[in-house]
C-alpha atoms as a PDB file:
ATOM      1  CA  MET A   1       3.977   3.347 -10.936  1.00  0.00           C
ATOM      2  CA  THR A   2       0.740   1.617 -11.847  1.00  0.00           C
ATOM      3  CA  THR A   3       0.862  -2.038 -13.034  1.00  0.00           C
ATOM      4  CA  VAL A   4      -1.384  -2.305 -16.151  1.00  0.00           C
ATOM      5  CA  PHE A   5      -3.243  -5.406 -17.234  1.00  0.00           C
ATOM      6  CA  GLU A   6      -4.559  -5.016 -20.884  1.00  0.00           C
ATOM      7  CA  GLN A   7      -7.479  -7.352 -20.200  1.00  0.00           C
ATOM      8  CA  PRO A   8      -8.981  -9.138 -17.168  1.00  0.00           C
ATOM      9  CA  ALA A   9      -7.730 -12.545 -18.213  1.00  0.00           C
ATOM     10  CA  GLU A  10      -4.170 -11.358 -17.720  1.00  0.00           C
ATOM     11  CA  LEU A  11      -4.871 -11.287 -14.000  1.00  0.00           C
ATOM     12  CA  LEU A  12      -5.026 -15.168 -13.946  1.00  0.00           C
ATOM     13  CA  GLY A  13      -1.288 -15.258 -14.638  1.00  0.00           C
ATOM     14  CA  ALA A  14      -0.340 -12.587 -12.058  1.00  0.00           C
ATOM     15  CA  VAL A  15      -0.713 -14.619  -8.870  1.00  0.00           C
ATOM     16  CA  GLY A  16       2.254 -13.775  -6.647  1.00  0.00           C
ATOM     17  CA  GLN A  17       3.106 -10.657  -8.501  1.00  0.00           C
ATOM     18  CA  HIS A  18       3.854  -7.503  -6.494  1.00  0.00           C
ATOM     19  CA  LEU A  19       2.048  -4.608  -8.149  1.00  0.00           C
ATOM     20  CA  GLY A  20       4.015  -1.612  -6.749  1.00  0.00           C
ATOM     21  CA  TYR A  21       3.020   1.222  -4.496  1.00  0.00           C
ATOM     22  CA  SER A  22       0.560   4.149  -4.446  1.00  0.00           C
ATOM     23  CA  ASP A  23       1.537   7.708  -3.847  1.00  0.00           C
ATOM     24  CA  TRP A  24       2.097   8.878  -0.281  1.00  0.00           C
ATOM     25  CA  LEU A  25      -0.793  10.564   1.473  1.00  0.00           C
ATOM     26  CA  GLU A  26      -0.602  12.772   4.602  1.00  0.00           C
ATOM     27  CA  ILE A  27      -3.209  12.062   7.202  1.00  0.00           C
ATOM     28  CA  ASP A  28      -4.165  15.403   8.633  1.00  0.00           C
ATOM     29  CA  GLN A  29      -6.585  16.212  11.487  1.00  0.00           C
ATOM     30  CA  GLN A  30      -9.109  17.547   9.000  1.00  0.00           C
ATOM     31  CA  ARG A  31      -9.368  14.171   7.236  1.00  0.00           C
ATOM     32  CA  ILE A  32      -9.697  12.502  10.617  1.00  0.00           C
ATOM     33  CA  ASN A  33     -12.439  14.904  11.737  1.00  0.00           C
ATOM     34  CA  LEU A  34     -14.437  14.514   8.510  1.00  0.00           C
ATOM     35  CA  PHE A  35     -14.223  10.741   8.817  1.00  0.00           C
ATOM     36  CA  ALA A  36     -15.459  11.031  12.486  1.00  0.00           C
ATOM     37  CA  ASP A  37     -18.450  13.228  11.182  1.00  0.00           C
ATOM     38  CA  ALA A  38     -19.235  10.739   8.424  1.00  0.00           C
ATOM     39  CA  THR A  39     -19.267   7.733  10.750  1.00  0.00           C
ATOM     40  CA  GLY A  40     -20.306   9.186  13.980  1.00  0.00           C
ATOM     41  CA  ASP A  41     -17.181   7.828  15.728  1.00  0.00           C
ATOM     42  CA  HIS A  42     -15.909  10.848  17.741  1.00  0.00           C
ATOM     43  CA  GLN A  43     -13.757   8.896  20.214  1.00  0.00           C
ATOM     44  CA  TRP A  44     -11.217  11.225  21.885  1.00  0.00           C
ATOM     45  CA  ILE A  45      -8.212   9.338  20.518  1.00  0.00           C
ATOM     46  CA  HIS A  46      -9.246  10.578  17.018  1.00  0.00           C
ATOM     47  CA  VAL A  47     -10.719  14.049  17.571  1.00  0.00           C
ATOM     48  CA  ASP A  48      -9.421  15.609  20.761  1.00  0.00           C
ATOM     49  CA  PRO A  49      -5.797  16.649  20.230  1.00  0.00           C
ATOM     50  CA  GLU A  50      -5.319  17.993  23.744  1.00  0.00           C
ATOM     51  CA  ARG A  51      -6.552  14.797  25.480  1.00  0.00           C
ATOM     52  CA  ALA A  52      -4.883  12.612  22.924  1.00  0.00           C
ATOM     53  CA  ALA A  53      -1.529  14.245  23.496  1.00  0.00           C
ATOM     54  CA  GLN A  54      -1.709  12.671  27.020  1.00  0.00           C
ATOM     55  CA  GLY A  55      -2.948   9.302  25.733  1.00  0.00           C
ATOM     56  CA  PRO A  56      -1.200   6.174  24.681  1.00  0.00           C
ATOM     57  CA  PHE A  57      -0.200   7.421  21.186  1.00  0.00           C
ATOM     58  CA  GLY A  58       0.941  10.922  22.055  1.00  0.00           C
ATOM     59  CA  SER A  59      -1.402  12.502  19.431  1.00  0.00           C
ATOM     60  CA  THR A  60      -4.630  11.811  17.739  1.00  0.00           C
ATOM     61  CA  ILE A  61      -4.689   8.794  15.440  1.00  0.00           C
ATOM     62  CA  ALA A  62      -6.648   7.875  12.309  1.00  0.00           C
ATOM     63  CA  HIS A  63      -9.594   5.522  12.687  1.00  0.00           C
ATOM     64  CA  GLY A  64      -8.789   1.961  11.703  1.00  0.00           C
ATOM     65  CA  TYR A  65     -11.700   2.148   9.218  1.00  0.00           C
ATOM     66  CA  LEU A  66     -10.366   5.441   7.782  1.00  0.00           C
ATOM     67  CA  THR A  67      -7.057   3.650   7.136  1.00  0.00           C
ATOM     68  CA  LEU A  68      -8.976   0.671   5.649  1.00  0.00           C
ATOM     69  CA  SER A  69     -11.119   2.960   3.354  1.00  0.00           C
ATOM     70  CA  LEU A  70      -7.926   4.294   1.787  1.00  0.00           C
ATOM     71  CA  ALA A  71      -7.506   0.941  -0.013  1.00  0.00           C
ATOM     72  CA  ASN A  72     -10.271   2.290  -2.344  1.00  0.00           C
ATOM     73  CA  MET A  73      -7.969   5.275  -3.195  1.00  0.00           C
ATOM     74  CA  PHE A  74      -4.753   3.276  -3.412  1.00  0.00           C
ATOM     75  CA  LEU A  75      -5.930   0.243  -5.467  1.00  0.00           C
ATOM     76  CA  PRO A  76      -6.432   2.230  -8.732  1.00  0.00           C
ATOM     77  CA  GLN A  77      -2.992   3.799  -8.196  1.00  0.00           C
ATOM     78  CA  ILE A  78      -1.456   0.384  -7.916  1.00  0.00           C
ATOM     79  CA  MET A  79      -3.136  -1.426 -10.704  1.00  0.00           C
ATOM     80  CA  GLU A  80      -5.255  -0.743 -13.763  1.00  0.00           C
ATOM     81  CA  VAL A  81      -7.285  -3.326 -15.705  1.00  0.00           C
ATOM     82  CA  ARG A  82      -7.989  -2.103 -19.235  1.00  0.00           C
ATOM     83  CA  ASN A  83     -10.569  -3.242 -21.768  1.00  0.00           C
ATOM     84  CA  THR A  84     -13.288  -3.813 -19.152  1.00  0.00           C
ATOM     85  CA  SER A  85     -16.921  -3.082 -19.287  1.00  0.00           C
ATOM     86  CA  MET A  86     -16.863  -2.685 -15.533  1.00  0.00           C
ATOM     87  CA  GLY A  87     -14.895  -3.475 -12.383  1.00  0.00           C
ATOM     88  CA  VAL A  88     -16.683  -3.988  -9.015  1.00  0.00           C
ATOM     89  CA  ASN A  89     -15.514  -4.083  -5.415  1.00  0.00           C
ATOM     90  CA  TYR A  90     -16.690  -7.569  -4.334  1.00  0.00           C
ATOM     91  CA  GLY A  91     -15.599  -7.276  -0.714  1.00  0.00           C
ATOM     92  CA  CYS A  92     -12.583  -8.374   1.402  1.00  0.00           C
ATOM     93  CA  GLU A  93     -11.495 -11.510   3.101  1.00  0.00           C
ATOM     94  CA  LYS A  94      -9.204 -10.333   5.887  1.00  0.00           C
ATOM     95  CA  VAL A  95      -8.480  -7.031   7.578  1.00  0.00           C
ATOM     96  CA  ARG A  96      -5.832  -6.326  10.246  1.00  0.00           C
ATOM     97  CA  PHE A  97      -4.628  -3.084  11.935  1.00  0.00           C
ATOM     98  CA  PRO A  98      -1.118  -3.910  13.278  1.00  0.00           C
ATOM     99  CA  ALA A  99      -0.125  -0.298  13.958  1.00  0.00           C
ATOM    100  CA  ALA A 100      -1.759   3.092  14.544  1.00  0.00           C
ATOM    101  CA  VAL A 101      -1.624   6.025  12.123  1.00  0.00           C
ATOM    102  CA  PRO A 102      -0.635   9.218  14.035  1.00  0.00           C
ATOM    103  CA  VAL A 103      -1.992  12.521  12.736  1.00  0.00           C
ATOM    104  CA  GLY A 104       0.503  14.167  10.410  1.00  0.00           C
ATOM    105  CA  SER A 105       2.049  10.869   9.241  1.00  0.00           C
ATOM    106  CA  ARG A 106       2.152   9.788   5.597  1.00  0.00           C
ATOM    107  CA  VAL A 107       0.828   6.491   4.355  1.00  0.00           C
ATOM    108  CA  ARG A 108       0.879   4.514   1.132  1.00  0.00           C
ATOM    109  CA  GLY A 109      -0.403   1.262  -0.132  1.00  0.00           C
ATOM    110  CA  GLY A 110       1.441  -1.601  -1.787  1.00  0.00           C
ATOM    111  CA  GLY A 111      -0.261  -4.483  -3.597  1.00  0.00           C
ATOM    112  CA  GLU A 112       0.261  -8.099  -4.331  1.00  0.00           C
ATOM    113  CA  VAL A 113      -1.965 -10.478  -6.305  1.00  0.00           C
ATOM    114  CA  ILE A 114      -2.932 -13.305  -3.871  1.00  0.00           C
ATOM    115  CA  SER A 115      -5.277 -15.170  -6.179  1.00  0.00           C
ATOM    116  CA  ALA A 116      -7.232 -14.895  -9.431  1.00  0.00           C
ATOM    117  CA  GLU A 117      -9.910 -17.056 -10.906  1.00  0.00           C
ATOM    118  CA  GLU A 118     -12.501 -17.116 -13.581  1.00  0.00           C
ATOM    119  CA  VAL A 119     -16.047 -16.260 -12.443  1.00  0.00           C
ATOM    120  CA  LYS A 120     -19.230 -16.081 -14.576  1.00  0.00           C
ATOM    121  CA  GLY A 121     -18.434 -13.438 -17.224  1.00  0.00           C
ATOM    122  CA  GLY A 122     -15.223 -12.249 -15.845  1.00  0.00           C
ATOM    123  CA  VAL A 123     -12.258 -12.555 -13.493  1.00  0.00           C
ATOM    124  CA  GLN A 124     -12.137 -12.345  -9.695  1.00  0.00           C
ATOM    125  CA  VAL A 125      -8.865 -11.177  -8.132  1.00  0.00           C
ATOM    126  CA  VAL A 126      -7.772 -10.962  -4.505  1.00  0.00           C
ATOM    127  CA  VAL A 127      -5.183  -8.185  -3.979  1.00  0.00           C
ATOM    128  CA  ARG A 128      -3.471  -7.871  -0.635  1.00  0.00           C
ATOM    129  CA  ILE A 129      -2.988  -4.211   0.059  1.00  0.00           C
ATOM    130  CA  THR A 130      -0.580  -3.373   2.736  1.00  0.00           C
ATOM    131  CA  ILE A 131      -0.879   0.201   3.984  1.00  0.00           C
ATOM    132  CA  GLU A 132       2.319   1.361   5.602  1.00  0.00           C
ATOM    133  CA  VAL A 133       3.187   4.417   7.641  1.00  0.00           C
ATOM    134  CA  GLU A 134       6.318   6.181   6.457  1.00  0.00           C
ATOM    135  CA  GLY A 135       9.159   5.276   8.867  1.00  0.00           C
ATOM    136  CA  GLY A 136       7.062   2.730  10.688  1.00  0.00           C
ATOM    137  CA  ASP A 137       8.127  -0.765  11.726  1.00  0.00           C
ATOM    138  CA  ARG A 138       4.752  -2.454  11.101  1.00  0.00           C
ATOM    139  CA  PRO A 139       1.967  -1.853   8.592  1.00  0.00           C
ATOM    140  CA  ALA A 140      -1.081   0.217   9.600  1.00  0.00           C
ATOM    141  CA  CYS A 141      -3.466  -2.072   7.726  1.00  0.00           C
ATOM    142  CA  VAL A 142      -3.330  -5.265   5.780  1.00  0.00           C
ATOM    143  CA  ILE A 143      -6.460  -5.996   3.700  1.00  0.00           C
ATOM    144  CA  ASP A 144      -7.248  -8.734   1.154  1.00  0.00           C
ATOM    145  CA  THR A 145      -9.497  -6.925  -1.351  1.00  0.00           C
ATOM    146  CA  ILE A 146     -11.666  -8.838  -3.757  1.00  0.00           C
ATOM    147  CA  SER A 147     -12.424  -7.296  -7.097  1.00  0.00           C
ATOM    148  CA  ARG A 148     -14.215  -8.528 -10.181  1.00  0.00           C
ATOM    149  CA  PHE A 149     -13.445  -7.372 -13.654  1.00  0.00           C
ATOM    150  CA  PHE A 150     -15.689  -7.951 -16.699  1.00  0.00           C
ATOM    151  CA  PRO A 151     -14.587  -7.626 -20.322  1.00  0.00           C
END
């Protein structure tokens, strides 16, 4: 379920609001391998299933930055800001990787508005996205994303 804001100014009153969750996404070995190819990070814990089976996680795991990059997929599923001329990714404030994402697991993102303020011509909002592994005790990634929306 996507939380909808009809205009950027509505974000100013949403601080502390939980926005809901994205769809679940399965992390398969093909996605991990493609990310390794795109970034040049071919560490065995990500791309060598035989060796990784004997390693500390018992299987290959997703790159932390792969998990982080999913925030870009999950954020539009979590919230929509209408009546904008544009929205831009302005960066992030904090990123943490409390738990690994084993191959074959499913992840989703949940969002909460941490802060919102007026900036020249628009509104800047910080949304904390918590990426969880289905059945996991700790989140895989917690990121404070910064977005700007312009009417």
